[in-house]
Amino acid sequence: MTRVLLIEDDPAVRKGVTLALRRRGHEIETAASGETGLLALERAQPELVLLDLMLPGMSGLEVCRRIRETRQIPIIILSARGDDIDMVVGLEAGADDYVVKPASGEVLEARMRAVLRRVVAQPPGGPDGTPAGSGGGPAGGPETHGALTVDRAALLVAKDGADLVLAPSELKLLLFLSATPGQVFSRQQLLEQVWEHSFYGDARLVDACVMRLRAKVEDDPRHPVYVQTVRGFGYRFGPL
């Protein structure tokens, strides 16, 4: 069972999603506006947020940004607006995934399970099973990559000694890339390994997450050292 906060202003959608998820054993708290959603977040302490973009008053984008200021809780945007620009803006605000309404209970369940696995999953090593990291830390201990310290066991990342607040997708992406520094991964490979998506149409998930991650780990996101672009191929982890 997962405690879910659904922030959605449409009563019919609230009812449909609530019934669908309760049938699957989840505990659902609902809110009809961004303001009441933030209050419910503090009261209910959910494990996952389903967030509509088009809310009265405070927009879903602003709600997402405010949550991301202090929390790593998974956020899935649930919206009837499927245009690329809306998806990208939502992802750039800090969402972990994006589902276009109407969505079946099966689709929501699958996306929820995938994003929740990112909270607790960390790659034990590289894709070939070799030990993760090259930063000189003891086996199973924190790794050092330049100014970054990656502790896979504790799921913590620090920069210059200060802990970073990373969303689940950002954390898993960094853990996956840093397991094999220098190895290039395509967007499709990252979708399958980090987001557990198998179709190329969601490549924007990867690009938006990379942009957010760079803003937190890089001194100059325009000239990245840690999450590097390999033009025409994908991304790799440095410094090399």
C-alpha atoms as a PDB file:
ATOM      1  CA  MET A   1       0.000   0.000   0.000  1.00  0.00           C
ATOM      2  CA  THR A   2       1.213   3.492  -0.897  1.00  0.00           C
ATOM      3  CA  ARG A   3       0.031   6.742   0.655  1.00  0.00           C
ATOM      4  CA  VAL A   4      -0.796   8.978  -2.309  1.00  0.00           C
ATOM      5  CA  LEU A   5      -1.714  12.654  -2.376  1.00  0.00           C
ATOM      6  CA  LEU A   6      -3.844  13.518  -5.423  1.00  0.00           C
ATOM      7  CA  ILE A   7      -4.011  17.261  -6.162  1.00  0.00           C
ATOM      8  CA  GLU A   8      -6.713  17.626  -8.817  1.00  0.00           C
ATOM      9  CA  ASP A   9      -9.490  20.209  -9.209  1.00  0.00           C
ATOM     10  CA  ASP A  10     -11.824  18.128 -11.423  1.00  0.00           C
ATOM     11  CA  PRO A  11     -14.236  16.209  -9.130  1.00  0.00           C
ATOM     12  CA  ALA A  12     -14.829  13.474 -11.713  1.00  0.00           C
ATOM     13  CA  VAL A  13     -11.105  12.856 -12.165  1.00  0.00           C
ATOM     14  CA  ARG A  14     -10.538  12.913  -8.398  1.00  0.00           C
ATOM     15  CA  LYS A  15     -13.249  10.312  -7.922  1.00  0.00           C
ATOM     16  CA  GLY A  16     -12.085   8.097 -10.783  1.00  0.00           C
ATOM     17  CA  VAL A  17      -8.424   8.089  -9.776  1.00  0.00           C
ATOM     18  CA  THR A  18      -9.293   7.606  -6.105  1.00  0.00           C
ATOM     19  CA  LEU A  19     -11.500   4.601  -6.831  1.00  0.00           C
ATOM     20  CA  ALA A  20      -8.967   3.066  -9.228  1.00  0.00           C
ATOM     21  CA  LEU A  21      -6.089   3.330  -6.776  1.00  0.00           C
ATOM     22  CA  ARG A  22      -8.076   2.310  -3.702  1.00  0.00           C
ATOM     23  CA  ARG A  23      -9.113  -0.867  -5.533  1.00  0.00           C
ATOM     24  CA  ARG A  24      -5.394  -1.577  -5.814  1.00  0.00           C
ATOM     25  CA  GLY A  25      -4.887  -1.136  -2.098  1.00  0.00           C
ATOM     26  CA  HIS A  26      -3.514   2.401  -1.962  1.00  0.00           C
ATOM     27  CA  GLU A  27      -4.402   5.039   0.607  1.00  0.00           C
ATOM     28  CA  ILE A  28      -5.517   8.261  -1.102  1.00  0.00           C
ATOM     29  CA  GLU A  29      -5.676  11.819   0.222  1.00  0.00           C
ATOM     30  CA  THR A  30      -7.160  14.398  -2.147  1.00  0.00           C
ATOM     31  CA  ALA A  31      -6.988  18.159  -2.548  1.00  0.00           C
ATOM     32  CA  ALA A  32      -8.768  20.417  -5.044  1.00  0.00           C
ATOM     33  CA  SER A  33      -6.236  23.253  -5.204  1.00  0.00           C
ATOM     34  CA  GLY A  34      -2.548  23.880  -4.912  1.00  0.00           C
ATOM     35  CA  GLU A  35      -2.892  25.684  -1.613  1.00  0.00           C
ATOM     36  CA  THR A  36      -4.894  22.899   0.040  1.00  0.00           C
ATOM     37  CA  GLY A  37      -2.570  20.364  -1.557  1.00  0.00           C
ATOM     38  CA  LEU A  38       0.465  21.847   0.187  1.00  0.00           C
ATOM     39  CA  LEU A  39      -1.414  21.772   3.509  1.00  0.00           C
ATOM     40  CA  ALA A  40      -2.408  18.146   2.896  1.00  0.00           C
ATOM     41  CA  LEU A  41       1.223  17.326   2.112  1.00  0.00           C
ATOM     42  CA  GLU A  42       2.241  18.391   5.603  1.00  0.00           C
ATOM     43  CA  ARG A  43      -0.688  16.673   7.278  1.00  0.00           C
ATOM     44  CA  ALA A  44      -0.828  13.368   5.412  1.00  0.00           C
ATOM     45  CA  GLN A  45       2.913  12.831   4.776  1.00  0.00           C
ATOM     46  CA  PRO A  46       2.288  10.903   1.526  1.00  0.00           C
ATOM     47  CA  GLU A  47       4.845   8.715  -0.221  1.00  0.00           C
ATOM     48  CA  LEU A  48       3.930  10.008  -3.688  1.00  0.00           C
ATOM     49  CA  VAL A  49       2.135  12.999  -5.204  1.00  0.00           C
ATOM     50  CA  LEU A  50      -0.119  12.913  -8.278  1.00  0.00           C
ATOM     51  CA  LEU A  51      -0.345  16.526  -9.414  1.00  0.00           C
ATOM     52  CA  ASP A  52      -2.568  18.214 -11.992  1.00  0.00           C
ATOM     53  CA  LEU A  53      -0.992  21.129 -13.856  1.00  0.00           C
ATOM     54  CA  MET A  54      -4.119  23.233 -14.421  1.00  0.00           C
ATOM     55  CA  LEU A  55      -5.238  24.145 -10.913  1.00  0.00           C
ATOM     56  CA  PRO A  56      -7.234  27.165  -9.712  1.00  0.00           C
ATOM     57  CA  GLY A  57      -5.120  29.766  -7.934  1.00  0.00           C
ATOM     58  CA  MET A  58      -1.633  28.362  -7.456  1.00  0.00           C
ATOM     59  CA  SER A  59      -0.662  26.392 -10.555  1.00  0.00           C
ATOM     60  CA  GLY A  60       0.520  22.817 -10.479  1.00  0.00           C
ATOM     61  CA  LEU A  61       3.928  24.000 -11.681  1.00  0.00           C
ATOM     62  CA  GLU A  62       4.284  26.289  -8.680  1.00  0.00           C
ATOM     63  CA  VAL A  63       3.155  23.506  -6.347  1.00  0.00           C
ATOM     64  CA  CYS A  64       5.791  21.229  -7.864  1.00  0.00           C
ATOM     65  CA  ARG A  65       8.513  23.845  -7.407  1.00  0.00           C
ATOM     66  CA  ARG A  66       7.543  24.447  -3.774  1.00  0.00           C
ATOM     67  CA  ILE A  67       7.571  20.756  -2.958  1.00  0.00           C
ATOM     68  CA  ARG A  68      10.960  20.365  -4.611  1.00  0.00           C
ATOM     69  CA  GLU A  69      12.461  23.140  -2.483  1.00  0.00           C
ATOM     70  CA  THR A  70      12.467  20.874   0.559  1.00  0.00           C
ATOM     71  CA  ARG A  71      11.336  17.365  -0.364  1.00  0.00           C
ATOM     72  CA  GLN A  72      12.524  14.415  -2.426  1.00  0.00           C
ATOM     73  CA  ILE A  73       9.058  12.841  -2.587  1.00  0.00           C
ATOM     74  CA  PRO A  74       8.192  11.385  -6.020  1.00  0.00           C
ATOM     75  CA  ILE A  75       5.916  13.609  -8.108  1.00  0.00           C
ATOM     76  CA  ILE A  76       3.954  12.442 -11.138  1.00  0.00           C
ATOM     77  CA  ILE A  77       2.225  15.151 -13.151  1.00  0.00           C
ATOM     78  CA  LEU A  78      -1.256  14.103 -14.226  1.00  0.00           C
ATOM     79  CA  SER A  79      -2.613  16.416 -16.893  1.00  0.00           C
ATOM     80  CA  ALA A  80      -4.928  16.549 -19.875  1.00  0.00           C
ATOM     81  CA  ARG A  81      -2.374  18.720 -21.664  1.00  0.00           C
ATOM     82  CA  GLY A  82      -0.134  16.431 -23.663  1.00  0.00           C
ATOM     83  CA  ASP A  83       1.758  19.051 -25.681  1.00  0.00           C
ATOM     84  CA  ASP A  84       5.507  18.674 -25.578  1.00  0.00           C
ATOM     85  CA  ILE A  85       6.021  22.156 -24.133  1.00  0.00           C
ATOM     86  CA  ASP A  86       3.715  21.426 -21.183  1.00  0.00           C
ATOM     87  CA  MET A  87       5.474  18.157 -20.474  1.00  0.00           C
ATOM     88  CA  VAL A  88       8.896  19.769 -20.605  1.00  0.00           C
ATOM     89  CA  VAL A  89       7.896  22.659 -18.348  1.00  0.00           C
ATOM     90  CA  GLY A  90       6.419  20.227 -15.834  1.00  0.00           C
ATOM     91  CA  LEU A  91       9.519  18.062 -15.849  1.00  0.00           C
ATOM     92  CA  GLU A  92      11.789  21.077 -15.540  1.00  0.00           C
ATOM     93  CA  ALA A  93       9.806  22.138 -12.460  1.00  0.00           C
ATOM     94  CA  GLY A  94      10.927  18.928 -10.780  1.00  0.00           C
ATOM     95  CA  ALA A  95       8.424  16.198 -11.632  1.00  0.00           C
ATOM     96  CA  ASP A  96       9.698  12.628 -11.913  1.00  0.00           C
ATOM     97  CA  ASP A  97       7.227  11.512 -14.557  1.00  0.00           C
ATOM     98  CA  TYR A  98       4.277  12.738 -16.603  1.00  0.00           C
ATOM     99  CA  VAL A  99       1.024  10.917 -17.387  1.00  0.00           C
ATOM    100  CA  VAL A 100      -1.549  12.337 -19.808  1.00  0.00           C
ATOM    101  CA  LYS A 101      -5.206  12.080 -18.813  1.00  0.00           C
ATOM    102  CA  PRO A 102      -7.293  10.058 -19.180  1.00  0.00           C
ATOM    103  CA  ALA A 103      -5.067   7.274 -17.862  1.00  0.00           C
ATOM    104  CA  SER A 104      -6.170   3.812 -16.792  1.00  0.00           C
ATOM    105  CA  GLY A 105      -5.601   2.505 -13.316  1.00  0.00           C
ATOM    106  CA  GLU A 106      -3.113   0.015 -14.747  1.00  0.00           C
ATOM    107  CA  VAL A 107      -1.023   2.797 -16.312  1.00  0.00           C
ATOM    108  CA  LEU A 108      -1.028   4.853 -13.115  1.00  0.00           C
ATOM    109  CA  GLU A 109      -0.105   1.809 -11.053  1.00  0.00           C
ATOM    110  CA  ALA A 110       2.805   0.968 -13.356  1.00  0.00           C
ATOM    111  CA  ARG A 111       4.161   4.513 -13.366  1.00  0.00           C
ATOM    112  CA  MET A 112       3.790   4.784  -9.591  1.00  0.00           C
ATOM    113  CA  ARG A 113       5.658   1.546  -9.008  1.00  0.00           C
ATOM    114  CA  ALA A 114       8.447   2.610 -11.336  1.00  0.00           C
ATOM    115  CA  VAL A 115       8.957   5.999  -9.708  1.00  0.00           C
ATOM    116  CA  LEU A 116       8.782   4.543  -6.197  1.00  0.00           C
ATOM    117  CA  ARG A 117      11.463   2.005  -7.086  1.00  0.00           C
ATOM    118  CA  ARG A 118      13.769   4.919  -7.858  1.00  0.00           C
ATOM    119  CA  VAL A 119      13.507   6.058  -4.233  1.00  0.00           C
ATOM    120  CA  VAL A 120      15.030   2.867  -2.838  1.00  0.00           C
ATOM    121  CA  ALA A 121      16.943   1.395  -5.769  1.00  0.00           C
ATOM    122  CA  GLN A 122      20.575   2.004  -6.405  1.00  0.00           C
ATOM    123  CA  PRO A 123      22.735   0.227  -8.955  1.00  0.00           C
ATOM    124  CA  PRO A 124      25.175  -2.051  -7.090  1.00  0.00           C
ATOM    125  CA  GLY A 125      27.693  -1.664  -9.888  1.00  0.00           C
ATOM    126  CA  GLY A 126      28.084  -1.018 -13.549  1.00  0.00           C
ATOM    127  CA  PRO A 127      25.958  -2.661 -16.237  1.00  0.00           C
ATOM    128  CA  ASP A 128      28.424  -5.549 -16.385  1.00  0.00           C
ATOM    129  CA  GLY A 129      28.262  -6.126 -12.625  1.00  0.00           C
ATOM    130  CA  THR A 130      31.672  -4.607 -11.855  1.00  0.00           C
ATOM    131  CA  PRO A 131      32.058  -2.600  -8.631  1.00  0.00           C
ATOM    132  CA  ALA A 132      30.642   0.884  -8.828  1.00  0.00           C
ATOM    133  CA  GLY A 133      32.703   4.006  -8.740  1.00  0.00           C
ATOM    134  CA  SER A 134      36.314   4.935  -9.272  1.00  0.00           C
ATOM    135  CA  GLY A 135      36.793   7.552  -6.624  1.00  0.00           C
ATOM    136  CA  GLY A 136      39.047   5.624  -4.298  1.00  0.00           C
ATOM    137  CA  GLY A 137      36.574   5.001  -1.454  1.00  0.00           C
ATOM    138  CA  PRO A 138      36.578   1.667   0.374  1.00  0.00           C
ATOM    139  CA  ALA A 139      34.529  -1.161  -1.100  1.00  0.00           C
ATOM    140  CA  GLY A 140      30.894  -0.416  -0.367  1.00  0.00           C
ATOM    141  CA  GLY A 141      31.819   2.989   1.103  1.00  0.00           C
ATOM    142  CA  PRO A 142      31.328   6.523  -0.176  1.00  0.00           C
ATOM    143  CA  GLU A 143      32.944   7.347  -3.518  1.00  0.00           C
ATOM    144  CA  THR A 144      34.670  10.598  -4.373  1.00  0.00           C
ATOM    145  CA  HIS A 145      34.299  12.096  -7.835  1.00  0.00           C
ATOM    146  CA  GLY A 146      35.903  15.523  -7.859  1.00  0.00           C
ATOM    147  CA  ALA A 147      33.857  17.686  -5.496  1.00  0.00           C
ATOM    148  CA  LEU A 148      31.078  15.087  -5.317  1.00  0.00           C
ATOM    149  CA  THR A 149      30.754  12.355  -2.698  1.00  0.00           C
ATOM    150  CA  VAL A 150      28.370   9.540  -3.562  1.00  0.00           C
ATOM    151  CA  ASP A 151      27.195   7.198  -0.801  1.00  0.00           C
ATOM    152  CA  ARG A 152      25.213   4.427  -2.484  1.00  0.00           C
ATOM    153  CA  ALA A 153      24.317   2.613   0.720  1.00  0.00           C
ATOM    154  CA  ALA A 154      22.825   5.737   2.320  1.00  0.00           C
ATOM    155  CA  LEU A 155      21.490   7.127  -1.008  1.00  0.00           C
ATOM    156  CA  LEU A 156      23.209  10.438  -0.292  1.00  0.00           C
ATOM    157  CA  VAL A 157      25.140  12.782  -2.554  1.00  0.00           C
ATOM    158  CA  ALA A 158      27.186  15.699  -1.267  1.00  0.00           C
ATOM    159  CA  LYS A 159      29.047  18.489  -3.022  1.00  0.00           C
ATOM    160  CA  ASP A 160      31.960  20.109  -1.203  1.00  0.00           C
ATOM    161  CA  GLY A 161      30.709  18.406   1.944  1.00  0.00           C
ATOM    162  CA  ALA A 162      27.139  19.735   1.745  1.00  0.00           C
ATOM    163  CA  ASP A 163      24.319  17.256   1.164  1.00  0.00           C
ATOM    164  CA  LEU A 164      22.325  17.786  -2.025  1.00  0.00           C
ATOM    165  CA  VAL A 165      18.533  17.507  -2.175  1.00  0.00           C
ATOM    166  CA  LEU A 166      17.891  15.372  -5.255  1.00  0.00           C
ATOM    167  CA  ALA A 167      14.551  14.188  -6.583  1.00  0.00           C
ATOM    168  CA  PRO A 168      14.273  10.393  -6.972  1.00  0.00           C
ATOM    169  CA  SER A 169      14.891  10.482 -10.716  1.00  0.00           C
ATOM    170  CA  GLU A 170      17.847  12.828 -10.324  1.00  0.00           C
ATOM    171  CA  LEU A 171      19.377  10.598  -7.667  1.00  0.00           C
ATOM    172  CA  LYS A 172      18.949   7.371  -9.613  1.00  0.00           C
ATOM    173  CA  LEU A 173      20.261   8.962 -12.799  1.00  0.00           C
ATOM    174  CA  LEU A 174      23.387  10.157 -10.986  1.00  0.00           C
ATOM    175  CA  LEU A 175      23.884   6.794  -9.290  1.00  0.00           C
ATOM    176  CA  PHE A 176      23.522   4.956 -12.582  1.00  0.00           C
ATOM    177  CA  LEU A 177      25.869   7.195 -14.564  1.00  0.00           C
ATOM    178  CA  SER A 178      28.502   7.431 -11.826  1.00  0.00           C
ATOM    179  CA  ALA A 179      28.662   3.626 -11.490  1.00  0.00           C
ATOM    180  CA  THR A 180      30.722   3.524 -14.698  1.00  0.00           C
ATOM    181  CA  PRO A 181      32.483   6.867 -15.247  1.00  0.00           C
ATOM    182  CA  GLY A 182      33.295   7.533 -18.867  1.00  0.00           C
ATOM    183  CA  GLN A 183      30.793   5.065 -20.307  1.00  0.00           C
ATOM    184  CA  VAL A 184      28.326   6.631 -22.716  1.00  0.00           C
ATOM    185  CA  PHE A 185      24.625   5.774 -22.437  1.00  0.00           C
ATOM    186  CA  SER A 186      21.970   6.650 -24.982  1.00  0.00           C
ATOM    187  CA  ARG A 187      18.739   8.325 -23.924  1.00  0.00           C
ATOM    188  CA  GLN A 188      16.932   5.091 -24.708  1.00  0.00           C
ATOM    189  CA  GLN A 189      19.221   3.126 -22.381  1.00  0.00           C
ATOM    190  CA  LEU A 190      18.686   5.666 -19.622  1.00  0.00           C
ATOM    191  CA  LEU A 191      14.912   5.577 -20.121  1.00  0.00           C
ATOM    192  CA  GLU A 192      14.934   1.814 -19.705  1.00  0.00           C
ATOM    193  CA  GLN A 193      17.331   1.715 -16.751  1.00  0.00           C
ATOM    194  CA  VAL A 194      16.232   4.774 -14.752  1.00  0.00           C
ATOM    195  CA  TRP A 195      12.614   5.413 -15.764  1.00  0.00           C
ATOM    196  CA  GLU A 196      11.759   1.847 -16.811  1.00  0.00           C
ATOM    197  CA  HIS A 197      10.165   3.159 -20.000  1.00  0.00           C
ATOM    198  CA  SER A 198      10.614   1.178 -23.172  1.00  0.00           C
ATOM    199  CA  PHE A 199       9.576   3.684 -25.848  1.00  0.00           C
ATOM    200  CA  TYR A 200      11.630   6.534 -27.245  1.00  0.00           C
ATOM    201  CA  GLY A 201       8.849   9.115 -27.097  1.00  0.00           C
ATOM    202  CA  ASP A 202       9.754  10.010 -23.517  1.00  0.00           C
ATOM    203  CA  ALA A 203      13.357  11.013 -24.221  1.00  0.00           C
ATOM    204  CA  ARG A 204      12.441  14.469 -22.912  1.00  0.00           C
ATOM    205  CA  LEU A 205      12.267  12.876 -19.452  1.00  0.00           C
ATOM    206  CA  VAL A 206      16.007  12.269 -19.669  1.00  0.00           C
ATOM    207  CA  ASP A 207      16.925  15.706 -20.991  1.00  0.00           C
ATOM    208  CA  ALA A 208      14.821  17.543 -18.392  1.00  0.00           C
ATOM    209  CA  CYS A 209      16.265  15.455 -15.564  1.00  0.00           C
ATOM    210  CA  VAL A 210      19.823  16.054 -16.803  1.00  0.00           C
ATOM    211  CA  MET A 211      19.166  19.792 -16.835  1.00  0.00           C
ATOM    212  CA  ARG A 212      17.854  19.747 -13.240  1.00  0.00           C
ATOM    213  CA  LEU A 213      20.698  17.543 -12.058  1.00  0.00           C
ATOM    214  CA  ARG A 214      23.333  19.773 -13.633  1.00  0.00           C
ATOM    215  CA  ALA A 215      21.847  22.786 -11.859  1.00  0.00           C
ATOM    216  CA  LYS A 216      22.596  21.042  -8.558  1.00  0.00           C
ATOM    217  CA  VAL A 217      25.926  19.293  -9.121  1.00  0.00           C
ATOM    218  CA  GLU A 218      27.773  21.509 -11.596  1.00  0.00           C
ATOM    219  CA  ASP A 219      29.631  24.744 -10.856  1.00  0.00           C
ATOM    220  CA  ASP A 220      28.655  25.929 -14.339  1.00  0.00           C
ATOM    221  CA  PRO A 221      25.773  23.919 -15.850  1.00  0.00           C
ATOM    222  CA  ARG A 222      26.590  25.373 -19.265  1.00  0.00           C
ATOM    223  CA  HIS A 223      29.982  23.653 -19.113  1.00  0.00           C
ATOM    224  CA  PRO A 224      29.237  20.416 -17.249  1.00  0.00           C
ATOM    225  CA  VAL A 225      31.987  18.341 -15.690  1.00  0.00           C
ATOM    226  CA  TYR A 226      29.957  15.536 -14.115  1.00  0.00           C
ATOM    227  CA  VAL A 227      26.993  14.931 -16.433  1.00  0.00           C
ATOM    228  CA  GLN A 228      28.496  15.349 -19.863  1.00  0.00           C
ATOM    229  CA  THR A 229      26.761  15.331 -23.239  1.00  0.00           C
ATOM    230  CA  VAL A 230      28.240  13.194 -25.984  1.00  0.00           C
ATOM    231  CA  ARG A 231      26.700  14.716 -29.090  1.00  0.00           C
ATOM    232  CA  GLY A 232      24.863  12.249 -31.248  1.00  0.00           C
ATOM    233  CA  PHE A 233      25.068   9.512 -28.611  1.00  0.00           C
ATOM    234  CA  GLY A 234      23.843  10.479 -25.146  1.00  0.00           C
ATOM    235  CA  TYR A 235      25.393  11.166 -21.746  1.00  0.00           C
ATOM    236  CA  ARG A 236      28.326  10.030 -19.639  1.00  0.00           C
ATOM    237  CA  PHE A 237      29.656  10.741 -16.160  1.00  0.00           C
ATOM    238  CA  GLY A 238      32.944  12.578 -15.501  1.00  0.00           C
ATOM    239  CA  PRO A 239      35.294  14.011 -14.533  1.00  0.00           C
ATOM    240  CA  LEU A 240      37.490  12.089 -16.911  1.00  0.00           C
END
